[in-house]
């Protein structure tokens, strides 16, 4: 079984740095993984 997620991050006050984007993405993956027991493929 698999699912696909699309997440749009659009802060209104500034442009995010690559490091900030990667940190947010890592948190999303961690929280979804904990909630579902799923893992990323690859």
N, C-alpha and C. Protein backbone atom coordinates (compact mmCIF):
# COMPACT_ATOMS: atom_id res chain seq x y z
N UNK A 1 0.84 -1.17 0.00
CA UNK A 1 0.00 0.00 0.00
C UNK A 1 0.89 1.24 0.00
N UNK A 2 0.48 2.26 -0.72
CA UNK A 2 1.27 3.49 -0.74
C UNK A 2 0.35 4.70 -0.81
N UNK A 3 0.89 5.82 -0.36
CA UNK A 3 0.17 7.08 -0.47
C UNK A 3 1.13 8.14 -0.99
N UNK A 4 0.59 9.18 -1.56
CA UNK A 4 1.39 10.32 -2.01
C UNK A 4 0.88 11.56 -1.31
N UNK A 5 1.79 12.41 -0.92
CA UNK A 5 1.43 13.67 -0.27
C UNK A 5 2.05 14.82 -1.04
N UNK A 6 1.33 15.91 -1.12
CA UNK A 6 1.88 17.15 -1.66
C UNK A 6 1.71 18.22 -0.59
N UNK A 7 2.78 18.92 -0.30
CA UNK A 7 2.74 19.95 0.74
C UNK A 7 3.27 21.25 0.14
N UNK A 8 2.52 22.31 0.31
CA UNK A 8 2.97 23.63 -0.16
C UNK A 8 3.27 24.48 1.07
N UNK A 9 4.48 25.01 1.12
CA UNK A 9 4.90 25.85 2.24
C UNK A 9 5.10 27.26 1.68
N UNK A 10 4.27 28.19 2.12
CA UNK A 10 4.35 29.56 1.61
C UNK A 10 4.29 30.58 2.74
N UNK A 11 5.43 30.84 3.37
CA UNK A 11 5.41 31.88 4.40
C UNK A 11 5.15 33.24 3.75
N UNK A 12 4.42 34.08 4.43
CA UNK A 12 4.05 35.38 3.87
C UNK A 12 5.09 36.47 4.16
N UNK A 13 5.97 36.23 5.14
CA UNK A 13 6.86 37.30 5.56
C UNK A 13 8.29 37.21 5.04
N UNK A 14 8.70 36.04 4.53
CA UNK A 14 10.08 35.93 4.04
C UNK A 14 10.21 34.70 3.15
N UNK A 15 11.31 34.63 2.44
CA UNK A 15 11.64 33.46 1.64
C UNK A 15 12.41 32.48 2.52
N UNK A 16 12.02 31.22 2.49
CA UNK A 16 12.71 30.21 3.29
C UNK A 16 14.05 29.85 2.67
N UNK A 17 15.02 29.55 3.52
CA UNK A 17 16.30 29.06 3.04
C UNK A 17 16.17 27.56 2.76
N UNK A 18 17.12 27.02 2.06
CA UNK A 18 17.12 25.59 1.77
C UNK A 18 17.15 24.78 3.06
N UNK A 19 17.91 25.24 4.04
CA UNK A 19 18.00 24.55 5.33
C UNK A 19 16.65 24.54 6.04
N UNK A 20 15.93 25.65 5.99
CA UNK A 20 14.61 25.72 6.63
C UNK A 20 13.62 24.78 5.94
N UNK A 21 13.67 24.73 4.63
CA UNK A 21 12.79 23.84 3.87
C UNK A 21 13.09 22.39 4.22
N UNK A 22 14.36 22.03 4.26
CA UNK A 22 14.74 20.66 4.59
C UNK A 22 14.31 20.29 6.01
N UNK A 23 14.41 21.23 6.95
CA UNK A 23 14.00 20.96 8.33
C UNK A 23 12.49 20.72 8.41
N UNK A 24 11.71 21.52 7.71
CA UNK A 24 10.26 21.34 7.70
C UNK A 24 9.91 20.00 7.06
N UNK A 25 10.55 19.68 5.94
CA UNK A 25 10.28 18.41 5.25
C UNK A 25 10.61 17.23 6.16
N UNK A 26 11.72 17.30 6.88
CA UNK A 26 12.10 16.21 7.78
C UNK A 26 11.07 16.03 8.89
N UNK A 27 10.56 17.14 9.43
CA UNK A 27 9.53 17.05 10.48
C UNK A 27 8.25 16.42 9.94
N UNK A 28 7.88 16.79 8.73
CA UNK A 28 6.67 16.22 8.13
C UNK A 28 6.83 14.72 7.95
N UNK A 29 7.96 14.30 7.40
CA UNK A 29 8.21 12.87 7.19
C UNK A 29 8.19 12.13 8.52
N UNK A 30 8.82 12.70 9.54
CA UNK A 30 8.86 12.06 10.86
C UNK A 30 7.46 11.90 11.45
N UNK A 31 6.69 12.97 11.42
CA UNK A 31 5.35 12.93 12.03
C UNK A 31 4.40 12.00 11.27
N UNK A 32 4.46 12.03 9.95
CA UNK A 32 3.61 11.13 9.17
C UNK A 32 4.04 9.68 9.40
N UNK A 33 5.34 9.45 9.47
CA UNK A 33 5.84 8.10 9.74
C UNK A 33 5.37 7.57 11.09
N UNK A 34 5.43 8.42 12.11
CA UNK A 34 4.98 8.00 13.45
C UNK A 34 3.48 7.75 13.47
N UNK A 35 2.72 8.58 12.77
CA UNK A 35 1.26 8.46 12.78
C UNK A 35 0.77 7.25 12.00
N UNK A 36 1.52 6.86 10.96
CA UNK A 36 1.04 5.79 10.07
C UNK A 36 1.87 4.52 10.12
N UNK A 37 3.09 4.61 10.68
CA UNK A 37 3.99 3.46 10.65
C UNK A 37 4.66 3.29 9.29
N UNK A 38 4.48 4.27 8.42
CA UNK A 38 5.05 4.19 7.08
C UNK A 38 6.48 4.69 7.02
N UNK A 39 7.13 4.39 5.91
CA UNK A 39 8.49 4.85 5.66
C UNK A 39 8.58 5.34 4.22
N UNK A 40 9.62 6.12 3.95
CA UNK A 40 9.86 6.56 2.58
C UNK A 40 10.51 5.43 1.79
N UNK A 41 10.11 5.31 0.54
CA UNK A 41 10.77 4.33 -0.33
C UNK A 41 12.01 4.96 -0.92
N UNK A 42 12.95 4.10 -1.28
CA UNK A 42 14.09 4.61 -2.01
C UNK A 42 15.31 4.47 -1.31
